[in-house]
Amino acid sequence: MDSKESETVIIGDLFITDISVGNKLGLYTILINPYTHGLESKFKKNLLSGFSKFAYNCLFFILLVGFF
């Protein structure tokens, strides 16, 4: 494909595989939360999205600071 990095977007649901690779390639990236798709209950959506944000924050902390 003949696309420029500044005109290309990668959409992903996993930070490690989709978003980090897109960032390394110089692409615009969009992180989505697939766990809340199709849920009708606002409470369940908020609960699952809050938990996934917490999990991503824990992952970032472990990656930046180190496990020990």
Protein backbone atom coordinates (compact mmCIF):
# COMPACT_ATOMS: atom_id res chain seq x y z
CA MET A 1 0.00 0.00 0.00
CA ASP A 2 1.17 3.47 -0.76
CA SER A 3 0.10 5.32 2.37
CA LYS A 4 2.06 7.79 4.44
CA GLU A 5 2.53 7.35 8.18
CA SER A 6 0.89 10.72 8.82
CA GLU A 7 -2.22 9.59 6.92
CA THR A 8 -2.56 6.11 8.44
CA VAL A 9 -4.46 5.01 11.54
CA ILE A 10 -4.35 1.70 13.37
CA ILE A 11 -7.31 0.77 15.57
CA GLY A 12 -6.71 -1.89 18.17
CA ASP A 13 -8.01 -3.41 21.34
CA LEU A 14 -4.68 -4.54 22.79
CA PHE A 15 -2.04 -2.07 23.85
CA ILE A 16 0.93 -4.43 23.64
CA THR A 17 0.33 -5.72 20.14
CA ASP A 18 -1.71 -3.10 18.30
CA ILE A 19 -1.03 0.28 19.82
CA SER A 20 2.65 -0.08 20.72
CA VAL A 21 3.51 -1.36 17.23
CA GLY A 22 1.52 1.45 15.63
CA ASN A 23 3.35 4.00 17.78
CA LYS A 24 6.73 2.50 16.89
CA LEU A 25 5.83 2.74 13.20
CA GLY A 26 4.83 6.40 13.60
CA LEU A 27 1.12 5.81 12.96
CA TYR A 28 -1.87 7.41 14.61
CA THR A 29 -3.39 4.90 17.01
CA ILE A 30 -6.84 4.44 18.54
CA LEU A 31 -7.34 2.13 21.51
CA ILE A 32 -10.84 0.69 21.82
CA ASN A 33 -12.46 -1.30 24.60
CA PRO A 34 -14.19 -4.32 23.02
CA TYR A 35 -15.40 -5.66 26.35
CA THR A 36 -18.27 -3.18 26.56
CA HIS A 37 -19.58 -3.67 23.00
CA GLY A 38 -23.11 -5.04 23.01
CA LEU A 39 -23.78 -4.47 26.71
CA GLU A 40 -27.11 -2.78 27.36
CA SER A 41 -26.62 -2.04 31.04
CA LYS A 42 -24.83 1.24 31.71
CA PHE A 43 -23.68 -0.10 35.08
CA LYS A 44 -22.03 -3.14 33.46
CA LYS A 45 -20.39 -0.96 30.79
CA ASN A 46 -18.97 1.37 33.43
CA LEU A 47 -17.84 -1.53 35.60
CA LEU A 48 -16.06 -3.35 32.76
CA SER A 49 -14.52 -0.23 31.26
CA GLY A 50 -13.31 0.87 34.70
CA PHE A 51 -11.75 -2.53 35.33
CA SER A 52 -10.01 -2.55 31.93
CA LYS A 53 -8.64 0.96 32.55
CA PHE A 54 -7.35 -0.21 35.92
CA ALA A 55 -5.71 -3.26 34.30
CA TYR A 56 -4.05 -1.12 31.61
CA ASN A 57 -2.76 1.31 34.26
CA CYS A 58 -1.28 -1.60 36.22
CA LEU A 59 0.36 -2.88 33.05
CA PHE A 60 1.83 0.55 32.25
CA PHE A 61 3.17 0.87 35.79
CA ILE A 62 4.80 -2.57 35.60
CA LEU A 63 6.31 -1.81 32.20
CA LEU A 64 7.61 1.64 33.18
CA VAL A 65 8.84 0.95 36.70
CA GLY A 66 9.61 -2.72 36.42
CA PHE A 67 8.08 -5.62 38.24
CA PHE A 68 10.41 -5.37 41.22
